[in-house]
Amino acid sequence: METKHTKGNWTIHDTYLNGTKGYEIHFNDDGECVSDFIYKIEDAKLIAAAPDLLEALIKAKQRIEFLEQYTEGKVDTSKGRFGIEQAIKKATA
């Protein structure tokens, strides 16, 4: 599956807006931003991890598909598969 998100290593950088500390997410060494002001570090960490999380979900879906073929459908993967597919759809729609 080819994804269309901004490629690169997303990193967090401190920034200030009107004296309020926030965070920027950069996707390359030139300082280009994916997002330019995020208030909470927890949100910044989640956003910066998004490309890695999407890649992990795609790989997990591939493993589930392999498991389904290998076990000839004898293992119920429907709950895990549904959650993974919904998250990938949300990230790529």
C-alpha atoms as a PDB file:
ATOM      1  CA  MET A   1       0.000   0.000   0.000  1.00  0.00           C
ATOM      2  CA  GLU A   2       1.426   3.350  -1.062  1.00  0.00           C
ATOM      3  CA  THR A   3       0.723   6.087   1.463  1.00  0.00           C
ATOM      4  CA  LYS A   4       0.487   9.755   0.523  1.00  0.00           C
ATOM      5  CA  HIS A   5       1.569  11.434   3.775  1.00  0.00           C
ATOM      6  CA  THR A   6       4.580  13.733   3.995  1.00  0.00           C
ATOM      7  CA  LYS A   7       7.632  11.492   4.006  1.00  0.00           C
ATOM      8  CA  GLY A   8      10.554  11.910   6.352  1.00  0.00           C
ATOM      9  CA  ASN A   9      11.453  11.602   9.990  1.00  0.00           C
ATOM     10  CA  TRP A  10       8.929  13.736  11.882  1.00  0.00           C
ATOM     11  CA  THR A  11      10.542  15.488  14.845  1.00  0.00           C
ATOM     12  CA  ILE A  12       9.327  17.753  17.648  1.00  0.00           C
ATOM     13  CA  HIS A  13      10.728  21.253  18.180  1.00  0.00           C
ATOM     14  CA  ASP A  14       9.884  23.791  20.872  1.00  0.00           C
ATOM     15  CA  THR A  15       8.280  27.038  19.727  1.00  0.00           C
ATOM     16  CA  TYR A  16       6.640  30.082  21.332  1.00  0.00           C
ATOM     17  CA  LEU A  17       3.574  32.061  20.288  1.00  0.00           C
ATOM     18  CA  ASN A  18       2.739  35.229  22.242  1.00  0.00           C
ATOM     19  CA  GLY A  19       4.755  33.917  25.189  1.00  0.00           C
ATOM     20  CA  THR A  20       3.024  30.513  25.194  1.00  0.00           C
ATOM     21  CA  LYS A  21       5.220  27.473  24.783  1.00  0.00           C
ATOM     22  CA  GLY A  22       4.166  24.996  22.145  1.00  0.00           C
ATOM     23  CA  TYR A  23       5.609  22.487  19.720  1.00  0.00           C
ATOM     24  CA  GLU A  24       6.184  22.241  15.988  1.00  0.00           C
ATOM     25  CA  ILE A  25       6.436  19.018  14.010  1.00  0.00           C
ATOM     26  CA  HIS A  26       9.140  19.125  11.322  1.00  0.00           C
ATOM     27  CA  PHE A  27       9.570  16.546   8.606  1.00  0.00           C
ATOM     28  CA  ASN A  28      13.072  17.309   7.343  1.00  0.00           C
ATOM     29  CA  ASP A  29      16.332  19.007   8.272  1.00  0.00           C
ATOM     30  CA  ASP A  30      15.274  22.268   6.582  1.00  0.00           C
ATOM     31  CA  GLY A  31      12.678  22.905   9.298  1.00  0.00           C
ATOM     32  CA  GLU A  32       9.626  22.450   7.103  1.00  0.00           C
ATOM     33  CA  CYS A  33       6.556  21.941   9.280  1.00  0.00           C
ATOM     34  CA  VAL A  34       3.821  19.366   9.257  1.00  0.00           C
ATOM     35  CA  SER A  35       2.165  21.300  12.072  1.00  0.00           C
ATOM     36  CA  ASP A  36       3.313  24.651  13.397  1.00  0.00           C
ATOM     37  CA  PHE A  37       1.788  25.016  16.869  1.00  0.00           C
ATOM     38  CA  ILE A  38       0.665  22.267  19.195  1.00  0.00           C
ATOM     39  CA  TYR A  39      -0.104  23.123  22.800  1.00  0.00           C
ATOM     40  CA  LYS A  40       0.562  19.801  24.557  1.00  0.00           C
ATOM     41  CA  ILE A  41       3.715  17.690  24.311  1.00  0.00           C
ATOM     42  CA  GLU A  42       1.577  14.531  24.465  1.00  0.00           C
ATOM     43  CA  ASP A  43      -0.254  15.609  21.302  1.00  0.00           C
ATOM     44  CA  ALA A  44       3.023  16.547  19.620  1.00  0.00           C
ATOM     45  CA  LYS A  45       4.456  13.100  20.383  1.00  0.00           C
ATOM     46  CA  LEU A  46       1.405  11.387  18.914  1.00  0.00           C
ATOM     47  CA  ILE A  47       1.518  13.510  15.760  1.00  0.00           C
ATOM     48  CA  ALA A  48       5.264  12.969  15.314  1.00  0.00           C
ATOM     49  CA  ALA A  49       4.754   9.196  15.668  1.00  0.00           C
ATOM     50  CA  ALA A  50       1.923   9.093  13.101  1.00  0.00           C
ATOM     51  CA  PRO A  51       3.989   7.883  10.093  1.00  0.00           C
ATOM     52  CA  ASP A  52       5.543   5.096  12.181  1.00  0.00           C
ATOM     53  CA  LEU A  53       2.174   4.099  13.613  1.00  0.00           C
ATOM     54  CA  LEU A  54       0.620   3.935  10.145  1.00  0.00           C
ATOM     55  CA  GLU A  55       3.477   1.773   8.882  1.00  0.00           C
ATOM     56  CA  ALA A  56       3.082  -0.559  11.872  1.00  0.00           C
ATOM     57  CA  LEU A  57      -0.669  -0.872  11.232  1.00  0.00           C
ATOM     58  CA  ILE A  58      -0.103  -1.721   7.573  1.00  0.00           C
ATOM     59  CA  LYS A  59       2.425  -4.409   8.548  1.00  0.00           C
ATOM     60  CA  ALA A  60       0.068  -5.786  11.215  1.00  0.00           C
ATOM     61  CA  LYS A  61      -2.717  -6.036   8.621  1.00  0.00           C
ATOM     62  CA  GLN A  62      -0.380  -7.956   6.320  1.00  0.00           C
ATOM     63  CA  ARG A  63       0.502 -10.352   9.171  1.00  0.00           C
ATOM     64  CA  ILE A  64      -3.182 -10.905   9.929  1.00  0.00           C
ATOM     65  CA  GLU A  65      -3.848 -11.670   6.266  1.00  0.00           C
ATOM     66  CA  PHE A  66      -0.981 -14.186   6.302  1.00  0.00           C
ATOM     67  CA  LEU A  67      -2.322 -15.765   9.503  1.00  0.00           C
ATOM     68  CA  GLU A  68      -5.784 -16.078   7.970  1.00  0.00           C
ATOM     69  CA  GLN A  69      -4.341 -17.840   4.928  1.00  0.00           C
ATOM     70  CA  TYR A  70      -1.992 -20.040   6.971  1.00  0.00           C
ATOM     71  CA  THR A  71      -4.724 -21.200   9.351  1.00  0.00           C
ATOM     72  CA  GLU A  72      -7.331 -21.414   6.577  1.00  0.00           C
ATOM     73  CA  GLY A  73      -9.672 -19.147   8.527  1.00  0.00           C
ATOM     74  CA  LYS A  74      -9.574 -21.237  11.729  1.00  0.00           C
ATOM     75  CA  VAL A  75      -8.324 -18.298  13.793  1.00  0.00           C
ATOM     76  CA  ASP A  76     -10.811 -15.479  14.410  1.00  0.00           C
ATOM     77  CA  THR A  77      -9.017 -12.276  13.472  1.00  0.00           C
ATOM     78  CA  SER A  78     -12.136 -10.217  12.784  1.00  0.00           C
ATOM     79  CA  LYS A  79     -11.910  -7.903  15.814  1.00  0.00           C
ATOM     80  CA  GLY A  80      -8.243  -7.098  15.352  1.00  0.00           C
ATOM     81  CA  ARG A  81      -8.588  -6.809  11.592  1.00  0.00           C
ATOM     82  CA  PHE A  82     -11.574  -4.442  11.882  1.00  0.00           C
ATOM     83  CA  GLY A  83      -9.784  -2.079  14.271  1.00  0.00           C
ATOM     84  CA  ILE A  84      -6.654  -2.014  12.151  1.00  0.00           C
ATOM     85  CA  GLU A  85      -8.578  -1.449   8.938  1.00  0.00           C
ATOM     86  CA  GLN A  86     -10.586   1.401  10.500  1.00  0.00           C
ATOM     87  CA  ALA A  87      -7.438   3.115  11.776  1.00  0.00           C
ATOM     88  CA  ILE A  88      -5.703   2.801   8.378  1.00  0.00           C
ATOM     89  CA  LYS A  89      -8.820   4.124   6.657  1.00  0.00           C
ATOM     90  CA  LYS A  90      -8.976   7.104   9.026  1.00  0.00           C
ATOM     91  CA  ALA A  91      -5.301   7.876   8.426  1.00  0.00           C
ATOM     92  CA  THR A  92      -5.426   7.569   4.643  1.00  0.00           C
ATOM     93  CA  ALA A  93      -8.913   8.758   3.655  1.00  0.00           C
END
